[in-house]
C-alpha atoms as a PDB file:
ATOM      1  CA  MET A   1     -25.755 -52.271-100.733  1.00  0.00           C
ATOM      2  CA  LYS A   2     -23.064 -53.543 -98.261  1.00  0.00           C
ATOM      3  CA  ASP A   3     -23.311 -57.100 -99.731  1.00  0.00           C
ATOM      4  CA  THR A   4     -22.751 -55.573-103.293  1.00  0.00           C
ATOM      5  CA  ALA A   5     -19.576 -53.562-102.027  1.00  0.00           C
ATOM      6  CA  TRP A   6     -18.340 -56.713-100.145  1.00  0.00           C
ATOM      7  CA  LYS A   7     -18.742 -58.843-103.197  1.00  0.00           C
ATOM      8  CA  ILE A   8     -16.759 -56.131-105.341  1.00  0.00           C
ATOM      9  CA  LEU A   9     -13.995 -56.277-102.689  1.00  0.00           C
ATOM     10  CA  MET A  10     -13.728 -59.938-102.495  1.00  0.00           C
ATOM     11  CA  SER A  11     -13.846 -60.235-106.227  1.00  0.00           C
ATOM     12  CA  GLY A  12     -10.212 -59.133-106.676  1.00  0.00           C
ATOM     13  CA  ALA A  13     -10.992 -55.517-107.414  1.00  0.00           C
ATOM     14  CA  LEU A  14      -9.493 -54.151-104.155  1.00  0.00           C
ATOM     15  CA  PHE A  15      -5.954 -54.352-105.273  1.00  0.00           C
ATOM     16  CA  PRO A  16      -6.253 -52.938-108.827  1.00  0.00           C
ATOM     17  CA  LEU A  17      -8.479 -50.101-107.387  1.00  0.00           C
ATOM     18  CA  SER A  18      -5.971 -49.422-104.805  1.00  0.00           C
ATOM     19  CA  VAL A  19      -3.133 -49.258-107.200  1.00  0.00           C
ATOM     20  CA  LEU A  20      -5.222 -46.978-109.558  1.00  0.00           C
ATOM     21  CA  LEU A  21      -5.831 -44.624-106.683  1.00  0.00           C
ATOM     22  CA  LEU A  22      -2.226 -44.490-105.468  1.00  0.00           C
ATOM     23  CA  TRP A  23      -1.075 -43.829-109.195  1.00  0.00           C
ATOM     24  CA  TRP A  24      -3.581 -41.155-109.571  1.00  0.00           C
ATOM     25  CA  TYR A  25      -2.793 -39.511-106.188  1.00  0.00           C
ATOM     26  CA  GLY A  26       1.022 -39.705-106.709  1.00  0.00           C
ATOM     27  CA  ALA A  27       0.888 -38.177-110.320  1.00  0.00           C
ATOM     28  CA  SER A  28      -1.245 -35.388-108.901  1.00  0.00           C
ATOM     29  CA  ALA A  29       1.063 -34.872-105.895  1.00  0.00           C
ATOM     30  CA  GLY A  30       4.141 -34.753-108.090  1.00  0.00           C
ATOM     31  CA  TRP A  31       5.762 -37.929-106.528  1.00  0.00           C
ATOM     32  CA  TRP A  32       7.407 -38.652-109.742  1.00  0.00           C
ATOM     33  CA  ASN A  33       8.041 -37.179-113.280  1.00  0.00           C
ATOM     34  CA  THR A  34       4.832 -37.689-115.072  1.00  0.00           C
ATOM     35  CA  PHE A  35       6.761 -37.967-118.538  1.00  0.00           C
ATOM     36  CA  LEU A  36       8.196 -41.244-117.211  1.00  0.00           C
ATOM     37  CA  LEU A  37       4.952 -42.551-115.800  1.00  0.00           C
ATOM     38  CA  PRO A  38       2.057 -40.385-116.992  1.00  0.00           C
ATOM     39  CA  SER A  39      -1.166 -40.008-114.822  1.00  0.00           C
ATOM     40  CA  PRO A  40      -4.271 -42.131-115.484  1.00  0.00           C
ATOM     41  CA  GLY A  41      -6.013 -39.193-116.935  1.00  0.00           C
ATOM     42  CA  ALA A  42      -3.302 -38.793-119.643  1.00  0.00           C
ATOM     43  CA  VAL A  43      -3.475 -42.387-120.393  1.00  0.00           C
ATOM     44  CA  TRP A  44      -7.407 -42.361-120.721  1.00  0.00           C
ATOM     45  CA  ARG A  45      -6.883 -39.462-123.058  1.00  0.00           C
ATOM     46  CA  ALA A  46      -4.490 -41.408-125.317  1.00  0.00           C
ATOM     47  CA  PHE A  47      -6.832 -44.357-125.231  1.00  0.00           C
ATOM     48  CA  THR A  48      -9.938 -42.245-126.270  1.00  0.00           C
ATOM     49  CA  THR A  49      -7.784 -40.410-129.105  1.00  0.00           C
ATOM     50  CA  ALA A  50      -6.590 -43.765-130.362  1.00  0.00           C
ATOM     51  CA  ALA A  51      -9.991 -45.240-130.239  1.00  0.00           C
ATOM     52  CA  ALA A  52     -11.705 -42.288-131.870  1.00  0.00           C
ATOM     53  CA  ASP A  53      -9.064 -41.976-134.774  1.00  0.00           C
ATOM     54  CA  GLY A  54      -9.088 -45.817-135.620  1.00  0.00           C
ATOM     55  CA  THR A  55      -5.482 -46.184-134.616  1.00  0.00           C
ATOM     56  CA  LEU A  56      -6.372 -48.760-131.757  1.00  0.00           C
ATOM     57  CA  ALA A  57      -8.750 -50.688-133.692  1.00  0.00           C
ATOM     58  CA  GLU A  58      -6.544 -51.078-136.564  1.00  0.00           C
ATOM     59  CA  ASN A  59      -3.702 -52.331-134.491  1.00  0.00           C
ATOM     60  CA  MET A  60      -5.932 -54.577-132.324  1.00  0.00           C
ATOM     61  CA  CYS A  61      -7.371 -56.180-135.299  1.00  0.00           C
ATOM     62  CA  ALA A  62      -3.874 -56.883-137.096  1.00  0.00           C
ATOM     63  CA  SER A  63      -2.582 -58.440-133.776  1.00  0.00           C
ATOM     64  CA  LEU A  64      -5.858 -60.541-133.442  1.00  0.00           C
ATOM     65  CA  GLY A  65      -5.732 -61.706-137.071  1.00  0.00           C
ATOM     66  CA  HIS A  66      -2.067 -62.819-136.452  1.00  0.00           C
ATOM     67  CA  ILE A  67      -3.165 -64.795-133.358  1.00  0.00           C
ATOM     68  CA  ALA A  68      -6.069 -66.325-135.283  1.00  0.00           C
ATOM     69  CA  VAL A  69      -3.771 -67.587-138.140  1.00  0.00           C
ATOM     70  CA  GLY A  70      -0.760 -68.423-136.099  1.00  0.00           C
ATOM     71  CA  PHE A  71      -2.562 -70.102-133.302  1.00  0.00           C
ATOM     72  CA  GLY A  72      -4.981 -71.856-135.411  1.00  0.00           C
ATOM     73  CA  LEU A  73      -2.360 -73.446-137.537  1.00  0.00           C
ATOM     74  CA  SER A  74      -0.238 -74.480-134.635  1.00  0.00           C
ATOM     75  CA  ALA A  75      -2.916 -76.010-132.666  1.00  0.00           C
ATOM     76  CA  ALA A  76      -3.956 -78.080-135.635  1.00  0.00           C
ATOM     77  CA  LEU A  77      -0.430 -79.354-136.269  1.00  0.00           C
ATOM     78  CA  ALA A  78       0.326 -79.954-132.448  1.00  0.00           C
ATOM     79  CA  VAL A  79      -2.868 -81.897-131.631  1.00  0.00           C
ATOM     80  CA  SER A  80      -2.595 -83.988-134.954  1.00  0.00           C
ATOM     81  CA  LEU A  81       0.998 -84.878-134.424  1.00  0.00           C
ATOM     82  CA  ALA A  82       0.218 -85.760-130.618  1.00  0.00           C
ATOM     83  CA  PHE A  83      -2.444 -88.026-131.550  1.00  0.00           C
ATOM     84  CA  LEU A  84      -0.160 -89.620-134.086  1.00  0.00           C
ATOM     85  CA  CYS A  85       2.794 -90.072-131.798  1.00  0.00           C
ATOM     86  CA  GLY A  86       0.512 -91.192-128.930  1.00  0.00           C
ATOM     87  CA  SER A  87      -0.993 -93.848-130.994  1.00  0.00           C
ATOM     88  CA  PHE A  88       2.162 -95.106-132.628  1.00  0.00           C
ATOM     89  CA  PRO A  89       5.152 -95.233-130.219  1.00  0.00           C
ATOM     90  CA  PRO A  90       7.650 -95.920-132.681  1.00  0.00           C
ATOM     91  CA  LEU A  91       6.947 -92.525-134.437  1.00  0.00           C
ATOM     92  CA  LEU A  92       7.407 -90.749-131.197  1.00  0.00           C
ATOM     93  CA  ALA A  93      10.529 -92.677-130.613  1.00  0.00           C
ATOM     94  CA  GLN A  94      11.893 -91.200-133.966  1.00  0.00           C
ATOM     95  CA  LEU A  95      10.730 -87.647-133.373  1.00  0.00           C
ATOM     96  CA  ASP A  96      11.319 -87.290-129.770  1.00  0.00           C
ATOM     97  CA  PRO A  97      15.007 -86.335-129.932  1.00  0.00           C
ATOM     98  CA  THR A  98      14.364 -83.709-132.680  1.00  0.00           C
ATOM     99  CA  LEU A  99      11.326 -82.233-130.868  1.00  0.00           C
ATOM    100  CA  GLU A 100      13.232 -82.204-127.678  1.00  0.00           C
ATOM    101  CA  PHE A 101      16.066 -80.183-129.438  1.00  0.00           C
ATOM    102  CA  LEU A 102      13.608 -77.880-131.002  1.00  0.00           C
ATOM    103  CA  ARG A 103      11.689 -77.403-127.567  1.00  0.00           C
ATOM    104  CA  HIS A 104      14.739 -75.768-125.840  1.00  0.00           C
ATOM    105  CA  ILE A 105      15.408 -73.069-128.607  1.00  0.00           C
ATOM    106  CA  PRO A 106      13.677 -69.843-127.546  1.00  0.00           C
ATOM    107  CA  PRO A 107      11.414 -68.709-130.384  1.00  0.00           C
ATOM    108  CA  MET A 108      12.811 -65.213-129.988  1.00  0.00           C
ATOM    109  CA  ALA A 109      16.136 -66.472-131.013  1.00  0.00           C
ATOM    110  CA  VAL A 110      15.127 -67.251-134.654  1.00  0.00           C
ATOM    111  CA  ILE A 111      13.689 -63.668-135.231  1.00  0.00           C
ATOM    112  CA  PRO A 112      16.764 -62.505-136.994  1.00  0.00           C
ATOM    113  CA  MET A 113      16.636 -65.601-139.341  1.00  0.00           C
ATOM    114  CA  LEU A 114      13.025 -65.090-140.013  1.00  0.00           C
ATOM    115  CA  ILE A 115      13.357 -61.275-140.950  1.00  0.00           C
ATOM    116  CA  LEU A 116      16.395 -62.210-143.207  1.00  0.00           C
ATOM    117  CA  TRP A 117      14.387 -64.959-144.999  1.00  0.00           C
ATOM    118  CA  PHE A 118      10.745 -63.249-144.877  1.00  0.00           C
ATOM    119  CA  GLY A 119      11.263 -59.715-144.279  1.00  0.00           C
ATOM    120  CA  ILE A 120       8.962 -57.730-141.915  1.00  0.00           C
ATOM    121  CA  GLY A 121       5.850 -58.930-143.388  1.00  0.00           C
ATOM    122  CA  GLU A 122       3.255 -61.134-142.003  1.00  0.00           C
ATOM    123  CA  SER A 123       5.040 -64.513-142.478  1.00  0.00           C
ATOM    124  CA  PRO A 124       7.678 -64.113-139.589  1.00  0.00           C
ATOM    125  CA  LYS A 125       5.068 -63.178-137.089  1.00  0.00           C
ATOM    126  CA  ILE A 126       2.885 -66.287-138.050  1.00  0.00           C
ATOM    127  CA  ILE A 127       5.954 -68.547-137.666  1.00  0.00           C
ATOM    128  CA  LEU A 128       6.986 -67.299-134.553  1.00  0.00           C
ATOM    129  CA  ILE A 129       3.479 -67.593-133.028  1.00  0.00           C
ATOM    130  CA  ILE A 130       3.550 -71.399-134.233  1.00  0.00           C
ATOM    131  CA  LEU A 131       7.019 -72.034-132.701  1.00  0.00           C
ATOM    132  CA  ALA A 132       5.863 -70.326-129.283  1.00  0.00           C
ATOM    133  CA  THR A 133       2.566 -72.266-129.292  1.00  0.00           C
ATOM    134  CA  PHE A 134       3.300 -75.731-130.552  1.00  0.00           C
ATOM    135  CA  PHE A 135       4.976 -77.521-127.622  1.00  0.00           C
ATOM    136  CA  PRO A 136       2.565 -76.362-124.876  1.00  0.00           C
ATOM    137  CA  VAL A 137      -0.235 -77.818-126.979  1.00  0.00           C
ATOM    138  CA  PHE A 138       1.805 -80.719-128.163  1.00  0.00           C
ATOM    139  CA  LEU A 139       3.108 -82.044-124.692  1.00  0.00           C
ATOM    140  CA  ASN A 140      -0.307 -81.661-122.994  1.00  0.00           C
ATOM    141  CA  THR A 141      -2.276 -83.336-125.855  1.00  0.00           C
ATOM    142  CA  LEU A 142       0.358 -86.041-125.906  1.00  0.00           C
ATOM    143  CA  GLN A 143       0.097 -86.629-122.053  1.00  0.00           C
ATOM    144  CA  GLY A 144      -3.655 -86.697-122.455  1.00  0.00           C
ATOM    145  CA  VAL A 145      -3.597 -89.207-125.214  1.00  0.00           C
ATOM    146  CA  ARG A 146      -1.025 -91.563-123.605  1.00  0.00           C
ATOM    147  CA  GLY A 147      -2.985 -91.244-120.127  1.00  0.00           C
ATOM    148  CA  CYS A 148      -5.960 -92.941-121.716  1.00  0.00           C
ATOM    149  CA  ASP A 149      -7.006 -95.921-119.754  1.00  0.00           C
ATOM    150  CA  SER A 150      -5.614 -98.988-121.763  1.00  0.00           C
ATOM    151  CA  GLY A 151      -8.597-101.098-120.506  1.00  0.00           C
ATOM    152  CA  LEU A 152     -11.112 -98.833-122.139  1.00  0.00           C
ATOM    153  CA  ILE A 153      -9.169 -99.016-125.487  1.00  0.00           C
ATOM    154  CA  GLU A 154      -9.191-102.896-125.161  1.00  0.00           C
ATOM    155  CA  VAL A 155     -12.952-102.971-124.457  1.00  0.00           C
ATOM    156  CA  ALA A 156     -13.518-100.922-127.619  1.00  0.00           C
ATOM    157  CA  ARG A 157     -11.222-103.084-129.620  1.00  0.00           C
ATOM    158  CA  VAL A 158     -13.112-106.164-128.601  1.00  0.00           C
ATOM    159  CA  PHE A 159     -16.569-104.538-129.498  1.00  0.00           C
ATOM    160  CA  GLY A 160     -15.062-104.208-133.059  1.00  0.00           C
ATOM    161  CA  TYR A 161     -14.382-100.395-133.044  1.00  0.00           C
ATOM    162  CA  SER A 162     -11.933 -99.253-135.836  1.00  0.00           C
ATOM    163  CA  ARG A 163      -8.859 -97.396-134.817  1.00  0.00           C
ATOM    164  CA  TRP A 164     -10.738 -93.988-136.017  1.00  0.00           C
ATOM    165  CA  GLU A 165     -13.668 -94.926-133.715  1.00  0.00           C
ATOM    166  CA  ARG A 166     -11.518 -95.806-130.638  1.00  0.00           C
ATOM    167  CA  CYS A 167      -9.730 -92.349-131.191  1.00  0.00           C
ATOM    168  CA  ARG A 168     -12.949 -90.464-131.635  1.00  0.00           C
ATOM    169  CA  HIS A 169     -15.149 -92.239-128.960  1.00  0.00           C
ATOM    170  CA  VAL A 170     -12.462 -93.272-126.380  1.00  0.00           C
ATOM    171  CA  ILE A 171      -9.014 -91.675-126.619  1.00  0.00           C
ATOM    172  CA  LEU A 172     -10.374 -88.135-127.469  1.00  0.00           C
ATOM    173  CA  PRO A 173     -12.900 -87.677-124.850  1.00  0.00           C
ATOM    174  CA  SER A 174     -10.258 -88.938-122.203  1.00  0.00           C
ATOM    175  CA  ALA A 175      -7.632 -86.523-123.570  1.00  0.00           C
ATOM    176  CA  LEU A 176      -9.989 -83.405-123.999  1.00  0.00           C
ATOM    177  CA  PRO A 177      -9.079 -82.023-120.490  1.00  0.00           C
ATOM    178  CA  ALA A 178      -5.301 -82.064-121.317  1.00  0.00           C
ATOM    179  CA  ILE A 179      -5.909 -80.696-124.794  1.00  0.00           C
ATOM    180  CA  LEU A 180      -7.844 -77.814-123.499  1.00  0.00           C
ATOM    181  CA  THR A 181      -5.163 -77.006-121.022  1.00  0.00           C
ATOM    182  CA  GLY A 182      -2.607 -77.029-123.501  1.00  0.00           C
ATOM    183  CA  LEU A 183      -4.583 -74.748-125.842  1.00  0.00           C
ATOM    184  CA  GLN A 184      -5.039 -72.352-123.106  1.00  0.00           C
ATOM    185  CA  LEU A 185      -1.318 -72.345-122.222  1.00  0.00           C
ATOM    186  CA  GLY A 186      -0.684 -71.918-126.080  1.00  0.00           C
ATOM    187  CA  LEU A 187      -2.897 -68.867-126.530  1.00  0.00           C
ATOM    188  CA  GLY A 188      -1.042 -67.196-123.718  1.00  0.00           C
ATOM    189  CA  TYR A 189       2.312 -68.041-125.386  1.00  0.00           C
ATOM    190  CA  SER A 190       1.117 -66.969-128.702  1.00  0.00           C
ATOM    191  CA  TRP A 191       0.014 -63.551-127.563  1.00  0.00           C
ATOM    192  CA  ARG A 192       3.218 -62.822-125.637  1.00  0.00           C
ATOM    193  CA  SER A 193       5.272 -63.935-128.675  1.00  0.00           C
ATOM    194  CA  LEU A 194       3.268 -61.941-131.081  1.00  0.00           C
ATOM    195  CA  VAL A 195       3.664 -58.693-129.236  1.00  0.00           C
ATOM    196  CA  ALA A 196       7.599 -59.361-129.010  1.00  0.00           C
ATOM    197  CA  ALA A 197       7.663 -59.948-132.696  1.00  0.00           C
ATOM    198  CA  GLU A 198       5.664 -56.805-133.236  1.00  0.00           C
ATOM    199  CA  LEU A 199       8.253 -54.957-131.142  1.00  0.00           C
ATOM    200  CA  VAL A 200      11.006 -56.144-133.388  1.00  0.00           C
ATOM    201  CA  ALA A 201       9.588 -56.281-137.034  1.00  0.00           C
ATOM    202  CA  ALA A 202       6.173 -55.092-137.810  1.00  0.00           C
ATOM    203  CA  SER A 203       4.332 -52.323-139.576  1.00  0.00           C
ATOM    204  CA  SER A 204       1.068 -52.718-137.679  1.00  0.00           C
ATOM    205  CA  GLY A 205      -0.126 -54.474-134.483  1.00  0.00           C
ATOM    206  CA  LEU A 206      -0.150 -53.457-130.719  1.00  0.00           C
ATOM    207  CA  GLY A 207       3.559 -54.201-130.453  1.00  0.00           C
ATOM    208  CA  TYR A 208       4.350 -51.874-133.337  1.00  0.00           C
ATOM    209  CA  MET A 209       2.091 -49.146-131.768  1.00  0.00           C
ATOM    210  CA  ILE A 210       4.177 -49.259-128.545  1.00  0.00           C
ATOM    211  CA  LEU A 211       7.532 -49.000-130.345  1.00  0.00           C
ATOM    212  CA  ASP A 212       6.133 -46.156-132.553  1.00  0.00           C
ATOM    213  CA  ALA A 213       5.027 -44.195-129.465  1.00  0.00           C
ATOM    214  CA  GLU A 214       8.200 -44.940-127.693  1.00  0.00           C
ATOM    215  CA  GLN A 215      10.328 -43.458-130.744  1.00  0.00           C
ATOM    216  CA  LEU A 216       7.994 -40.377-130.389  1.00  0.00           C
ATOM    217  CA  SER A 217       8.640 -40.139-126.618  1.00  0.00           C
ATOM    218  CA  ARG A 218       4.737 -40.682-126.164  1.00  0.00           C
ATOM    219  CA  SER A 219       5.017 -42.583-122.808  1.00  0.00           C
ATOM    220  CA  ASP A 220       1.194 -42.068-122.389  1.00  0.00           C
ATOM    221  CA  VAL A 221       0.691 -43.999-125.497  1.00  0.00           C
ATOM    222  CA  VAL A 222       3.147 -46.610-124.487  1.00  0.00           C
ATOM    223  CA  LEU A 223       1.513 -47.160-121.231  1.00  0.00           C
ATOM    224  CA  MET A 224      -1.932 -47.156-122.876  1.00  0.00           C
ATOM    225  CA  GLY A 225      -0.755 -50.012-125.195  1.00  0.00           C
ATOM    226  CA  ILE A 226       0.613 -52.095-122.484  1.00  0.00           C
ATOM    227  CA  LEU A 227      -2.776 -51.921-120.436  1.00  0.00           C
ATOM    228  CA  VAL A 228      -4.623 -52.672-123.778  1.00  0.00           C
ATOM    229  CA  ILE A 229      -2.458 -55.877-124.195  1.00  0.00           C
ATOM    230  CA  GLY A 230      -3.084 -56.886-120.674  1.00  0.00           C
ATOM    231  CA  ALA A 231      -6.826 -56.364-120.948  1.00  0.00           C
ATOM    232  CA  LEU A 232      -7.255 -57.956-124.283  1.00  0.00           C
ATOM    233  CA  GLY A 233      -4.994 -61.056-123.292  1.00  0.00           C
ATOM    234  CA  ALA A 234      -7.182 -61.593-120.218  1.00  0.00           C
ATOM    235  CA  ALA A 235     -10.302 -61.278-122.223  1.00  0.00           C
ATOM    236  CA  LEU A 236      -9.099 -63.805-124.629  1.00  0.00           C
ATOM    237  CA  ASP A 237      -8.257 -66.232-121.868  1.00  0.00           C
ATOM    238  CA  TYR A 238     -11.655 -65.588-120.321  1.00  0.00           C
ATOM    239  CA  LEU A 239     -13.357 -66.197-123.608  1.00  0.00           C
ATOM    240  CA  PHE A 240     -11.487 -69.507-124.045  1.00  0.00           C
ATOM    241  CA  VAL A 241     -12.400 -70.681-120.559  1.00  0.00           C
ATOM    242  CA  ILE A 242     -16.063 -70.145-121.337  1.00  0.00           C
ATOM    243  CA  ILE A 243     -15.636 -72.225-124.586  1.00  0.00           C
ATOM    244  CA  SER A 244     -13.867 -74.791-122.734  1.00  0.00           C
ATOM    245  CA  LYS A 245     -16.737 -75.321-120.254  1.00  0.00           C
ATOM    246  CA  ALA A 246     -19.164 -75.393-123.079  1.00  0.00           C
ATOM    247  CA  ALA A 247     -17.072 -78.038-124.783  1.00  0.00           C
ATOM    248  CA  GLY A 248     -16.856 -79.974-121.390  1.00  0.00           C
ATOM    249  CA  ARG A 249     -20.753 -79.981-121.170  1.00  0.00           C
ATOM    250  CA  VAL A 250     -21.150 -81.164-124.716  1.00  0.00           C
ATOM    251  CA  ARG A 251     -18.721 -84.034-123.881  1.00  0.00           C
END
């Protein structure tokens, strides 16, 4: 029993448990206005209510659907372009100034134009995810491709490997750790950008749920939405790590 308790404390649970206990005690003792910072019980009741009536599941599914489409498209585009630029330096020389210019434009800055062009439907959110995700994936993949040992590539060329075979059997395994790092970073960026987009222009999703609750002065729902976003983002990152380790073992 003592060993189990010690493992729990050393697993990183001590700090959040302490915060939870302080939060609960402070709300019960009246240290602050519970309208501004609801008690854990109020947040839990908001969670169970939203879960029971399907509101939470509906908004979570909407956000996850946007992530799946936007992140998938962005990852495919970024990885493909990085391999092309890494394999053909003249192409990189032509695209680098434009990509460097675009990299310094915050995705949030284009939200007004996206709303103007596409309204508040699905397209602005998907495009925003692509813009936020592209460069972390592209730059890490490009670094991995360019960091491949030139000696290994030359040996493969001597053995008669085609360009596609060199890419598949030499460059890709070498660049895989950098690609996975870029994808993990991009997944986090896509999640944050999606919630920001839903706060501005959306009719569904977790960001929309938070904004709607704020307009109704439901601070318990707002805080519940924030906690759900954090938990869901951490779960996605943990799932990605598991998939990455599995891919590494296959490699």
